[in-house]
Structure formats: structure tokens, C-alpha cells
Amino acid sequence: MMEWVKIQTLYDSEKKALNIANIVATTEGRLANQQHGPQYEVETRIEQVGEKWQVFWRKVFVGNKTGCGGGCASCSDNLPKKNKGKVLPFRKPSV
């Protein structure tokens, strides 16, 4: 588990801070997770600081995603069919 990261900007309303927290969670989640590999959940929280609101977030490791290795061919029906390329013969220039 990672430490909480504090966003330095203070927001005037709780609604604005929640909106920013959702944006941070979405963005960091997309950046942290890979198609095959470690997967993270992004947690956010907001705290009131005087009259303003501050956003905190952290990544929590939830596991590894192995995905399909492509060996069983069980999903080949869902993939678009590939057109075979045409071979163009090479002709020597006539001199």
C-alpha cells in the first residue's frame, strides 16, 4: 500500500473537491493499471482545511492480471478475419 499523496491545491467547495477526487481516481487508475500485469485501485479522500477542501489519493495493489496468452484459440471467432496480402512479383527493368 502506498502513502497518501496530498494535492497542494485547496478547493472552495466540497463538491469541487469531490469532482477533482473522481478525476484523479480515474486518471491515476488508467495510468497505473496495465493490460497484463499489476492492477491497482485508487482510493481518494477529502479533508476540510479551514474554509477550503483538500484532496488526498493513494494506489492500493489488488493483484496481477495475466490475461489471455493466445494459445487456446477460444476467442478467435470474435476477432476480425485478416485478408491475405497480394504478392507482387518483382520485374527486372528492361534496358
C-alpha atoms as a PDB file:
ATOM      1  CA  MET A   1       0.000   0.000   0.000  1.00  0.00           C
ATOM      2  CA  MET A   2       1.331   3.404  -0.916  1.00  0.00           C
ATOM      3  CA  GLU A   3       1.328   6.506   1.235  1.00  0.00           C
ATOM      4  CA  TRP A   4      -1.341   9.153   0.784  1.00  0.00           C
ATOM      5  CA  VAL A   5      -0.458  11.832  -1.764  1.00  0.00           C
ATOM      6  CA  LYS A   6      -1.708  15.333  -0.980  1.00  0.00           C
ATOM      7  CA  ILE A   7      -2.794  17.617  -3.808  1.00  0.00           C
ATOM      8  CA  GLN A   8      -1.489  21.064  -2.933  1.00  0.00           C
ATOM      9  CA  THR A   9      -4.469  22.961  -4.365  1.00  0.00           C
ATOM     10  CA  LEU A  10      -7.231  23.898  -1.925  1.00  0.00           C
ATOM     11  CA  TYR A  11     -10.801  23.954  -3.274  1.00  0.00           C
ATOM     12  CA  ASP A  12     -13.594  26.324  -2.275  1.00  0.00           C
ATOM     13  CA  SER A  13     -16.347  23.718  -2.044  1.00  0.00           C
ATOM     14  CA  GLU A  14     -16.733  20.085  -1.082  1.00  0.00           C
ATOM     15  CA  LYS A  15     -18.460  19.449  -4.421  1.00  0.00           C
ATOM     16  CA  LYS A  16     -15.449  20.764  -6.369  1.00  0.00           C
ATOM     17  CA  ALA A  17     -13.059  18.680  -4.240  1.00  0.00           C
ATOM     18  CA  LEU A  18     -15.147  15.535  -4.837  1.00  0.00           C
ATOM     19  CA  ASN A  19     -15.153  16.246  -8.574  1.00  0.00           C
ATOM     20  CA  ILE A  20     -11.346  16.581  -8.570  1.00  0.00           C
ATOM     21  CA  ALA A  21     -11.021  13.404  -6.484  1.00  0.00           C
ATOM     22  CA  ASN A  22     -13.043  11.486  -9.096  1.00  0.00           C
ATOM     23  CA  ILE A  23     -10.852  12.847 -11.899  1.00  0.00           C
ATOM     24  CA  VAL A  24      -7.688  11.877 -10.011  1.00  0.00           C
ATOM     25  CA  ALA A  25      -9.018   8.368  -9.311  1.00  0.00           C
ATOM     26  CA  THR A  26      -9.904   7.808 -12.962  1.00  0.00           C
ATOM     27  CA  THR A  27      -6.671   9.229 -14.349  1.00  0.00           C
ATOM     28  CA  GLU A  28      -4.311   7.545 -11.904  1.00  0.00           C
ATOM     29  CA  GLY A  29      -6.159   4.247 -12.257  1.00  0.00           C
ATOM     30  CA  ARG A  30      -5.711   4.307 -16.014  1.00  0.00           C
ATOM     31  CA  LEU A  31      -2.043   5.223 -15.726  1.00  0.00           C
ATOM     32  CA  ALA A  32      -1.248   2.637 -13.055  1.00  0.00           C
ATOM     33  CA  ASN A  33      -3.027  -0.403 -14.495  1.00  0.00           C
ATOM     34  CA  GLN A  34      -1.606  -2.334 -17.405  1.00  0.00           C
ATOM     35  CA  GLN A  35      -3.381  -4.776 -19.677  1.00  0.00           C
ATOM     36  CA  HIS A  36      -1.204  -7.623 -18.357  1.00  0.00           C
ATOM     37  CA  GLY A  37       0.484  -7.047 -15.017  1.00  0.00           C
ATOM     38  CA  PRO A  38      -0.084  -5.297 -11.717  1.00  0.00           C
ATOM     39  CA  GLN A  39      -3.536  -3.891 -11.023  1.00  0.00           C
ATOM     40  CA  TYR A  40      -4.214  -1.034  -8.621  1.00  0.00           C
ATOM     41  CA  GLU A  41      -7.274   0.530  -7.063  1.00  0.00           C
ATOM     42  CA  VAL A  42      -7.046   4.271  -6.461  1.00  0.00           C
ATOM     43  CA  GLU A  43      -8.525   5.486  -3.170  1.00  0.00           C
ATOM     44  CA  THR A  44      -9.346   9.133  -2.581  1.00  0.00           C
ATOM     45  CA  ARG A  45     -10.431  11.167   0.403  1.00  0.00           C
ATOM     46  CA  ILE A  46     -11.099  14.839   1.033  1.00  0.00           C
ATOM     47  CA  GLU A  47     -10.472  16.826   4.189  1.00  0.00           C
ATOM     48  CA  GLN A  48     -11.640  20.241   5.231  1.00  0.00           C
ATOM     49  CA  VAL A  49      -8.804  22.677   5.902  1.00  0.00           C
ATOM     50  CA  GLY A  50     -10.269  25.839   7.396  1.00  0.00           C
ATOM     51  CA  GLU A  51     -12.847  27.070   4.894  1.00  0.00           C
ATOM     52  CA  LYS A  52     -11.326  25.079   1.994  1.00  0.00           C
ATOM     53  CA  TRP A  53     -11.151  21.410   0.943  1.00  0.00           C
ATOM     54  CA  GLN A  54      -8.093  19.340   0.104  1.00  0.00           C
ATOM     55  CA  VAL A  55      -7.855  16.087  -1.905  1.00  0.00           C
ATOM     56  CA  PHE A  56      -5.693  13.076  -0.990  1.00  0.00           C
ATOM     57  CA  TRP A  57      -5.207   9.880  -3.024  1.00  0.00           C
ATOM     58  CA  ARG A  58      -3.235   6.626  -2.973  1.00  0.00           C
ATOM     59  CA  LYS A  59      -2.813   3.458  -5.031  1.00  0.00           C
ATOM     60  CA  VAL A  60      -3.599   0.084  -3.471  1.00  0.00           C
ATOM     61  CA  PHE A  61      -2.265  -3.071  -5.140  1.00  0.00           C
ATOM     62  CA  VAL A  62      -5.108  -5.526  -5.820  1.00  0.00           C
ATOM     63  CA  GLY A  63      -3.343  -8.246  -7.829  1.00  0.00           C
ATOM     64  CA  ASN A  64      -1.882  -9.238 -11.167  1.00  0.00           C
ATOM     65  CA  LYS A  65      -3.843  -9.686 -14.358  1.00  0.00           C
ATOM     66  CA  THR A  66      -2.462 -12.426 -16.532  1.00  0.00           C
ATOM     67  CA  GLY A  67      -4.885 -12.171 -19.425  1.00  0.00           C
ATOM     68  CA  CYS A  68      -5.065 -14.426 -22.441  1.00  0.00           C
ATOM     69  CA  GLY A  69      -1.881 -16.000 -23.721  1.00  0.00           C
ATOM     70  CA  GLY A  70      -3.461 -16.649 -27.108  1.00  0.00           C
ATOM     71  CA  GLY A  71      -2.844 -20.406 -27.056  1.00  0.00           C
ATOM     72  CA  CYS A  72      -6.327 -21.937 -26.862  1.00  0.00           C
ATOM     73  CA  ALA A  73      -7.884 -20.098 -29.845  1.00  0.00           C
ATOM     74  CA  SER A  74     -11.221 -19.984 -27.998  1.00  0.00           C
ATOM     75  CA  CYS A  75     -11.663 -16.296 -28.764  1.00  0.00           C
ATOM     76  CA  SER A  76     -10.629 -16.424 -32.433  1.00  0.00           C
ATOM     77  CA  ASP A  77     -14.260 -16.257 -33.560  1.00  0.00           C
ATOM     78  CA  ASN A  78     -14.552 -12.759 -32.088  1.00  0.00           C
ATOM     79  CA  LEU A  79     -11.511 -11.406 -33.912  1.00  0.00           C
ATOM     80  CA  PRO A  80     -11.899  -9.824 -37.351  1.00  0.00           C
ATOM     81  CA  LYS A  81     -10.696 -12.014 -40.220  1.00  0.00           C
ATOM     82  CA  LYS A  82      -7.435 -10.929 -41.776  1.00  0.00           C
ATOM     83  CA  ASN A  83      -7.198 -10.536 -45.525  1.00  0.00           C
ATOM     84  CA  LYS A  84      -4.190 -12.194 -47.015  1.00  0.00           C
ATOM     85  CA  GLY A  85      -1.868  -9.815 -48.816  1.00  0.00           C
ATOM     86  CA  LYS A  86      -1.191  -9.998 -52.528  1.00  0.00           C
ATOM     87  CA  VAL A  87       2.350 -10.796 -53.581  1.00  0.00           C
ATOM     88  CA  LEU A  88       3.609  -8.522 -56.331  1.00  0.00           C
ATOM     89  CA  PRO A  89       6.319 -10.082 -58.477  1.00  0.00           C
ATOM     90  CA  PHE A  90       9.493  -8.082 -58.877  1.00  0.00           C
ATOM     91  CA  ARG A  91      10.366  -7.391 -62.511  1.00  0.00           C
ATOM     92  CA  LYS A  92      13.819  -6.538 -63.655  1.00  0.00           C
ATOM     93  CA  PRO A  93      13.868  -3.284 -65.587  1.00  0.00           C
ATOM     94  CA  SER A  94      14.325  -3.749 -69.312  1.00  0.00           C
ATOM     95  CA  VAL A  95      17.357  -1.952 -70.695  1.00  0.00           C
END
